[in-house]
Amino acid sequence: KCGSAAVAGFFKVLADLKPKGLKVCGVMTMVRNSVGPDGYVADEIITARSGKRVRVGNTDAEGRMAMADLLCLFKEKALSAVNPHLFTIATLTGHAVRTYGEGYSVAMDNGPARKERTAECIRCCAEKLGDMF
């Protein structure tokens, strides 16, 4: 939900600034981790939008599955776009804390973003843009 709030805030900034020559598409995913007959079950096999079959190893996977499906949708759309850049914004705070410790954000590149040094640019701007508290 916090990742979706960040997307909503980003689109509010875009609406206010109205940058010329920039096409931005966004989507927000929000899920409720459910317990009961409609919830994920460990070792369940689910077919994702991409057609890949995914084994649920962690029943806290609803958000990641929903985000993966929408990322797949945007990847399909990007195939016909000019110079597309895809970003996902997710909290996944538990995993970030286990990996880097308290108070850090995580930025990871895929292949095309690595060539453009996107995560490195985000890291370099962190002191200016990050939460200074």
N, C-alpha and C. Protein backbone atom coordinates (compact mmCIF):
# COMPACT_ATOMS: atom_id res chain seq x y z
N LYS A 1 0.81 -1.20 0.00
CA LYS A 1 0.00 0.00 0.00
C LYS A 1 0.85 1.26 0.00
N CYS A 2 2.00 1.21 0.67
CA CYS A 2 2.88 2.39 0.67
C CYS A 2 3.50 2.61 -0.70
N GLY A 3 3.82 1.53 -1.42
CA GLY A 3 4.32 1.67 -2.78
C GLY A 3 3.28 2.33 -3.66
N SER A 4 2.02 1.92 -3.50
CA SER A 4 0.94 2.54 -4.28
C SER A 4 0.77 4.00 -3.92
N ALA A 5 0.94 4.33 -2.65
CA ALA A 5 0.84 5.73 -2.23
C ALA A 5 1.96 6.55 -2.88
N ALA A 6 3.14 5.96 -3.00
CA ALA A 6 4.25 6.66 -3.67
C ALA A 6 3.93 6.90 -5.14
N VAL A 7 3.31 5.93 -5.79
CA VAL A 7 2.91 6.09 -7.20
C VAL A 7 1.87 7.19 -7.32
N ALA A 8 0.88 7.19 -6.43
CA ALA A 8 -0.15 8.23 -6.46
C ALA A 8 0.48 9.61 -6.26
N GLY A 9 1.42 9.72 -5.33
CA GLY A 9 2.10 10.99 -5.11
C GLY A 9 2.91 11.43 -6.32
N PHE A 10 3.58 10.48 -6.96
CA PHE A 10 4.36 10.77 -8.16
C PHE A 10 3.45 11.30 -9.27
N PHE A 11 2.29 10.69 -9.44
CA PHE A 11 1.36 11.15 -10.47
C PHE A 11 0.76 12.51 -10.13
N LYS A 12 0.62 12.82 -8.86
CA LYS A 12 0.17 14.15 -8.46
C LYS A 12 1.22 15.19 -8.85
N VAL A 13 2.50 14.88 -8.62
CA VAL A 13 3.58 15.78 -9.02
C VAL A 13 3.58 15.96 -10.54
N LEU A 14 3.42 14.87 -11.28
CA LEU A 14 3.35 14.97 -12.75
C LEU A 14 2.19 15.85 -13.19
N ALA A 15 1.04 15.69 -12.53
CA ALA A 15 -0.13 16.50 -12.89
C ALA A 15 0.13 17.98 -12.61
N ASP A 16 0.85 18.28 -11.54
CA ASP A 16 1.15 19.67 -11.20
C ASP A 16 2.21 20.26 -12.13
N LEU A 17 3.26 19.49 -12.44
CA LEU A 17 4.38 20.02 -13.23
C LEU A 17 4.14 19.94 -14.74
N LYS A 18 3.34 18.98 -15.17
CA LYS A 18 3.03 18.78 -16.59
C LYS A 18 4.29 18.81 -17.48
N PRO A 19 5.25 17.90 -17.24
CA PRO A 19 6.47 17.92 -18.06
C PRO A 19 6.16 17.61 -19.52
N LYS A 20 6.77 18.36 -20.41
CA LYS A 20 6.55 18.20 -21.86
C LYS A 20 7.38 17.01 -22.37
N GLY A 21 6.83 16.30 -23.34
CA GLY A 21 7.56 15.22 -24.00
C GLY A 21 7.75 13.98 -23.15
N LEU A 22 6.96 13.82 -22.13
CA LEU A 22 7.09 12.67 -21.23
C LEU A 22 5.77 11.93 -21.15
N LYS A 23 5.78 10.67 -21.50
CA LYS A 23 4.58 9.85 -21.37
C LYS A 23 4.80 8.90 -20.20
N VAL A 24 3.93 8.96 -19.24
CA VAL A 24 4.05 8.12 -18.05
C VAL A 24 2.76 7.35 -17.86
N CYS A 25 2.89 6.05 -17.67
CA CYS A 25 1.75 5.19 -17.36
C CYS A 25 2.01 4.57 -16.00
N GLY A 26 0.99 4.39 -15.23
CA GLY A 26 1.18 3.80 -13.91
C GLY A 26 0.00 2.95 -13.52
N VAL A 27 0.26 2.09 -12.58
CA VAL A 27 -0.77 1.22 -12.04
C VAL A 27 -0.44 0.97 -10.57
N MET A 28 -1.46 0.84 -9.77
CA MET A 28 -1.26 0.58 -8.35
C MET A 28 -1.87 -0.77 -7.99
N THR A 29 -1.10 -1.57 -7.30
CA THR A 29 -1.63 -2.85 -6.84
C THR A 29 -1.74 -2.82 -5.32
N MET A 30 -2.86 -3.28 -4.85
CA MET A 30 -3.06 -3.40 -3.41
C MET A 30 -3.76 -4.73 -3.16
N VAL A 31 -3.24 -5.47 -2.25
CA VAL A 31 -3.85 -6.75 -1.92
C VAL A 31 -3.98 -6.87 -0.41
N ARG A 32 -4.84 -7.75 -0.02
CA ARG A 32 -5.00 -8.06 1.40
C ARG A 32 -4.50 -9.48 1.59
N ASN A 33 -3.57 -9.68 2.47
CA ASN A 33 -3.10 -11.02 2.75
C ASN A 33 -4.21 -11.74 3.52
N SER A 34 -4.79 -12.74 2.89
CA SER A 34 -5.97 -13.40 3.42
C SER A 34 -5.64 -14.73 4.09
N VAL A 35 -6.39 -15.00 5.12
CA VAL A 35 -6.36 -16.31 5.75
C VAL A 35 -7.72 -16.92 5.49
N GLY A 36 -7.76 -18.18 5.12
CA GLY A 36 -9.03 -18.83 4.86
C GLY A 36 -9.03 -19.50 3.51
N PRO A 37 -10.21 -19.87 3.03
CA PRO A 37 -10.29 -20.66 1.79
C PRO A 37 -9.86 -19.89 0.54
N ASP A 38 -9.84 -18.55 0.57
CA ASP A 38 -9.43 -17.77 -0.59
C ASP A 38 -7.97 -17.33 -0.53
N GLY A 39 -7.27 -17.65 0.56
CA GLY A 39 -5.89 -17.25 0.72
C GLY A 39 -4.94 -18.20 0.00
N TYR A 40 -3.70 -17.75 -0.17
CA TYR A 40 -2.68 -18.60 -0.77
C TYR A 40 -2.34 -19.74 0.18
N VAL A 41 -1.96 -20.85 -0.38
CA VAL A 41 -1.57 -22.02 0.39
C VAL A 41 -0.14 -22.36 0.01
N ALA A 42 0.69 -22.64 1.01
CA ALA A 42 2.07 -23.02 0.72
C ALA A 42 2.08 -24.21 -0.24
N ASP A 43 2.99 -24.15 -1.19
CA ASP A 43 3.19 -25.18 -2.23
C ASP A 43 2.10 -25.19 -3.30
N GLU A 44 1.19 -24.22 -3.27
CA GLU A 44 0.19 -24.08 -4.32
C GLU A 44 0.90 -23.64 -5.61
N ILE A 45 0.42 -24.12 -6.75
CA ILE A 45 0.98 -23.72 -8.05
C ILE A 45 -0.01 -22.77 -8.70
N ILE A 46 0.47 -21.58 -9.08
CA ILE A 46 -0.38 -20.55 -9.68
C ILE A 46 0.22 -20.20 -11.04
N THR A 47 -0.62 -20.01 -12.03
CA THR A 47 -0.14 -19.58 -13.34
C THR A 47 -0.23 -18.06 -13.42
N ALA A 48 0.92 -17.42 -13.63
CA ALA A 48 1.00 -15.97 -13.72
C ALA A 48 0.57 -15.49 -15.10
N ARG A 49 0.40 -14.20 -15.26
CA ARG A 49 0.02 -13.61 -16.54
C ARG A 49 0.99 -14.00 -17.64
N SER A 50 2.26 -14.11 -17.30
CA SER A 50 3.30 -14.44 -18.27
C SER A 50 3.19 -15.87 -18.79
N GLY A 51 2.33 -16.67 -18.13
CA GLY A 51 2.20 -18.07 -18.50
C GLY A 51 3.11 -18.97 -17.68
N LYS A 52 3.99 -18.36 -16.90
CA LYS A 52 4.88 -19.13 -16.03
C LYS A 52 4.10 -19.67 -14.85
N ARG A 53 4.44 -20.89 -14.48
CA ARG A 53 3.81 -21.48 -13.29
C ARG A 53 4.72 -21.18 -12.10
N VAL A 54 4.11 -20.70 -11.02
CA VAL A 54 4.86 -20.25 -9.85
C VAL A 54 4.40 -21.07 -8.64
N ARG A 55 5.37 -21.61 -7.92
CA ARG A 55 5.04 -22.32 -6.68
C ARG A 55 5.08 -21.32 -5.54
N VAL A 56 4.03 -21.25 -4.75
CA VAL A 56 3.96 -20.36 -3.60
C VAL A 56 4.79 -20.99 -2.49
N GLY A 57 5.92 -20.37 -2.21
CA GLY A 57 6.77 -20.85 -1.12
C GLY A 57 6.55 -20.05 0.14
N ASN A 58 5.90 -18.91 0.02
CA ASN A 58 5.65 -18.02 1.14
C ASN A 58 4.21 -17.54 0.98
N THR A 59 3.39 -17.77 1.97
CA THR A 59 1.98 -17.39 1.85
C THR A 59 1.77 -15.89 1.97
N ASP A 60 2.83 -15.12 2.10
CA ASP A 60 2.77 -13.66 2.11
C ASP A 60 3.11 -13.15 0.71
N ALA A 61 2.67 -13.88 -0.31
CA ALA A 61 3.11 -13.60 -1.68
C ALA A 61 2.09 -12.85 -2.53
N GLU A 62 0.92 -12.55 -2.00
CA GLU A 62 -0.12 -11.95 -2.83
C GLU A 62 0.34 -10.67 -3.51
N GLY A 63 0.97 -9.77 -2.78
CA GLY A 63 1.41 -8.50 -3.35
C GLY A 63 2.44 -8.69 -4.44
N ARG A 64 3.38 -9.58 -4.21
CA ARG A 64 4.42 -9.82 -5.21
C ARG A 64 3.84 -10.44 -6.47
N MET A 65 2.87 -11.33 -6.31
CA MET A 65 2.24 -11.96 -7.48
C MET A 65 1.46 -10.92 -8.28
N ALA A 66 0.71 -10.07 -7.59
CA ALA A 66 -0.07 -9.04 -8.29
C ALA A 66 0.87 -8.07 -9.01
N MET A 67 1.97 -7.68 -8.34
CA MET A 67 2.90 -6.75 -8.97
C MET A 67 3.59 -7.41 -10.17
N ALA A 68 3.93 -8.67 -10.06
CA ALA A 68 4.58 -9.38 -11.18
C ALA A 68 3.64 -9.43 -12.38
N ASP A 69 2.36 -9.68 -12.14
CA ASP A 69 1.41 -9.73 -13.26
C ASP A 69 1.28 -8.36 -13.94
N LEU A 70 1.22 -7.29 -13.17
CA LEU A 70 1.11 -5.96 -13.77
C LEU A 70 2.41 -5.53 -14.44
N LEU A 71 3.54 -5.95 -13.89
CA LEU A 71 4.82 -5.67 -14.54
C LEU A 71 4.88 -6.39 -15.88
N CYS A 72 4.35 -7.60 -15.93
CA CYS A 72 4.28 -8.34 -17.19
C CYS A 72 3.40 -7.59 -18.20
N LEU A 73 2.27 -7.07 -17.75
CA LEU A 73 1.39 -6.29 -18.63
C LEU A 73 2.14 -5.08 -19.20
N PHE A 74 2.86 -4.36 -18.34
CA PHE A 74 3.58 -3.18 -18.81
C PHE A 74 4.76 -3.57 -19.70
N LYS A 75 5.36 -4.70 -19.46
CA LYS A 75 6.43 -5.17 -20.34
C LYS A 75 5.87 -5.43 -21.74
N GLU A 76 4.67 -6.01 -21.80
CA GLU A 76 4.01 -6.24 -23.10
C GLU A 76 3.77 -4.92 -23.81
N LYS A 77 3.31 -3.91 -23.06
CA LYS A 77 3.05 -2.59 -23.66
C LYS A 77 4.35 -1.91 -24.08
N ALA A 78 5.41 -2.14 -23.34
CA ALA A 78 6.70 -1.49 -23.63
C ALA A 78 7.31 -1.98 -24.93
N LEU A 79 6.94 -3.16 -25.38
CA LEU A 79 7.51 -3.69 -26.61
C LEU A 79 7.24 -2.79 -27.82
N SER A 80 6.13 -2.05 -27.78
CA SER A 80 5.81 -1.17 -28.90
C SER A 80 6.04 0.31 -28.56
N ALA A 81 6.63 0.58 -27.40
CA ALA A 81 6.86 1.96 -26.97
C ALA A 81 8.25 2.43 -27.41
N VAL A 82 8.42 3.75 -27.46
CA VAL A 82 9.70 4.35 -27.79
C VAL A 82 10.48 4.60 -26.50
N ASN A 83 11.66 4.00 -26.39
CA ASN A 83 12.56 4.19 -25.25
C ASN A 83 11.85 4.00 -23.90
N PRO A 84 11.24 2.84 -23.67
CA PRO A 84 10.50 2.65 -22.42
C PRO A 84 11.43 2.43 -21.22
N HIS A 85 10.99 2.88 -20.08
CA HIS A 85 11.67 2.62 -18.80
C HIS A 85 10.60 2.09 -17.85
N LEU A 86 10.81 0.93 -17.29
CA LEU A 86 9.85 0.33 -16.36
C LEU A 86 10.40 0.41 -14.94
N PHE A 87 9.55 0.83 -14.03
CA PHE A 87 9.92 0.90 -12.62
C PHE A 87 8.83 0.24 -11.79
N THR A 88 9.23 -0.43 -10.75
CA THR A 88 8.28 -0.90 -9.75
C THR A 88 8.64 -0.24 -8.43
N ILE A 89 7.64 0.10 -7.68
CA ILE A 89 7.84 0.70 -6.36
C ILE A 89 7.10 -0.21 -5.39
N ALA A 90 7.84 -0.81 -4.49
CA ALA A 90 7.22 -1.72 -3.53
C ALA A 90 7.85 -1.51 -2.17
N THR A 91 7.09 -1.75 -1.14
CA THR A 91 7.65 -1.59 0.19
C THR A 91 8.51 -2.81 0.52
N LEU A 92 7.95 -3.98 0.52
CA LEU A 92 8.70 -5.20 0.86
C LEU A 92 9.71 -4.91 1.97
N THR A 93 9.26 -4.14 2.96
CA THR A 93 10.18 -3.63 3.98
C THR A 93 10.85 -4.73 4.77
N GLY A 94 10.15 -5.80 5.04
CA GLY A 94 10.76 -6.89 5.81
C GLY A 94 12.00 -7.43 5.14
N HIS A 95 11.94 -7.62 3.84
CA HIS A 95 13.09 -8.14 3.12
C HIS A 95 14.20 -7.10 3.00
N ALA A 96 13.84 -5.83 2.84
CA ALA A 96 14.86 -4.78 2.77
C ALA A 96 15.60 -4.67 4.11
N VAL A 97 14.85 -4.74 5.20
CA VAL A 97 15.47 -4.65 6.53
C VAL A 97 16.40 -5.83 6.76
N ARG A 98 15.96 -7.03 6.39
CA ARG A 98 16.83 -8.20 6.57
C ARG A 98 18.10 -8.10 5.73
N THR A 99 17.99 -7.49 4.57
CA THR A 99 19.14 -7.40 3.67
C THR A 99 20.08 -6.26 4.03
N TYR A 100 19.54 -5.06 4.28
CA TYR A 100 20.38 -3.87 4.44
C TYR A 100 20.35 -3.27 5.83
N GLY A 101 19.36 -3.61 6.65
CA GLY A 101 19.23 -3.02 7.98
C GLY A 101 18.18 -1.93 7.99
N GLU A 102 17.90 -1.43 9.18
CA GLU A 102 16.86 -0.40 9.37
C GLU A 102 17.22 0.90 8.64
N GLY A 103 16.20 1.57 8.07
CA GLY A 103 16.38 2.91 7.54
C GLY A 103 16.91 3.00 6.12
N TYR A 104 16.95 1.90 5.38
CA TYR A 104 17.47 1.94 4.02
C TYR A 104 16.39 1.59 3.02
N SER A 105 16.46 2.20 1.86
CA SER A 105 15.61 1.83 0.74
C SER A 105 16.44 0.98 -0.21
N VAL A 106 15.76 0.26 -1.08
CA VAL A 106 16.45 -0.62 -2.01
C VAL A 106 16.11 -0.19 -3.43
N ALA A 107 17.12 -0.05 -4.27
CA ALA A 107 16.94 0.22 -5.70
C ALA A 107 17.73 -0.83 -6.46
N MET A 108 17.05 -1.55 -7.32
CA MET A 108 17.70 -2.61 -8.08
C MET A 108 17.43 -2.41 -9.56
N ASP A 109 18.45 -2.64 -10.37
CA ASP A 109 18.32 -2.50 -11.81
C ASP A 109 18.13 -3.86 -12.47
N ASN A 110 17.40 -3.85 -13.58
CA ASN A 110 17.45 -5.01 -14.48
C ASN A 110 18.52 -4.69 -15.53
N GLY A 111 18.64 -5.50 -16.56
CA GLY A 111 19.68 -5.31 -17.56
C GLY A 111 19.69 -3.94 -18.22
N PRO A 112 18.57 -3.51 -18.86
CA PRO A 112 18.57 -2.20 -19.52
C PRO A 112 18.80 -1.04 -18.55
N ALA A 113 18.23 -1.11 -17.35
CA ALA A 113 18.42 -0.03 -16.38
C ALA A 113 19.86 0.00 -15.89
N ARG A 114 20.49 -1.17 -15.78
CA ARG A 114 21.89 -1.21 -15.36
C ARG A 114 22.79 -0.50 -16.36
N LYS A 115 22.48 -0.67 -17.66
CA LYS A 115 23.27 0.01 -18.69
C LYS A 115 23.17 1.53 -18.54
N GLU A 116 22.00 2.01 -18.09
CA GLU A 116 21.81 3.45 -17.91
C GLU A 116 22.15 3.91 -16.50
N ARG A 117 22.57 2.98 -15.64
CA ARG A 117 23.00 3.27 -14.27
C ARG A 117 21.88 3.91 -13.44
N THR A 118 20.65 3.43 -13.60
CA THR A 118 19.51 4.03 -12.92
C THR A 118 19.63 3.94 -11.40
N ALA A 119 19.89 2.75 -10.85
CA ALA A 119 20.00 2.60 -9.40
C ALA A 119 21.15 3.44 -8.85
N GLU A 120 22.25 3.49 -9.58
CA GLU A 120 23.40 4.30 -9.15
C GLU A 120 23.01 5.77 -9.08
N CYS A 121 22.25 6.24 -10.06
CA CYS A 121 21.79 7.64 -10.05
C CYS A 121 20.87 7.89 -8.86
N ILE A 122 20.00 6.92 -8.56
CA ILE A 122 19.12 7.06 -7.40
C ILE A 122 19.94 7.15 -6.12
N ARG A 123 20.95 6.28 -5.99
CA ARG A 123 21.81 6.31 -4.81
C ARG A 123 22.53 7.66 -4.68
N CYS A 124 23.01 8.18 -5.78
CA CYS A 124 23.73 9.46 -5.74
C CYS A 124 22.82 10.61 -5.31
N CYS A 125 21.55 10.51 -5.61
CA CYS A 125 20.59 11.56 -5.24
C CYS A 125 19.98 11.34 -3.86
N ALA A 126 20.30 10.25 -3.21
CA ALA A 126 19.62 9.87 -1.97
C ALA A 126 19.69 10.94 -0.90
N GLU A 127 20.85 11.56 -0.72
CA GLU A 127 20.97 12.57 0.32
C GLU A 127 20.08 13.78 0.05
N LYS A 128 19.91 14.13 -1.22
CA LYS A 128 19.06 15.27 -1.57
C LYS A 128 17.58 14.93 -1.48
N LEU A 129 17.24 13.69 -1.90
CA LEU A 129 15.83 13.34 -2.04
C LEU A 129 15.29 12.50 -0.87
N GLY A 130 16.17 11.86 -0.13
CA GLY A 130 15.74 10.94 0.91
C GLY A 130 15.18 11.64 2.13
N ASP A 131 14.61 10.85 3.01
CA ASP A 131 14.07 11.33 4.27
C ASP A 131 15.24 11.63 5.20
N MET A 132 15.45 12.88 5.49
CA MET A 132 16.61 13.29 6.30
C MET A 132 16.38 13.07 7.80
N PHE A 133 15.24 12.53 8.17
CA PHE A 133 14.97 12.32 9.58
C PHE A 133 15.32 10.93 9.93
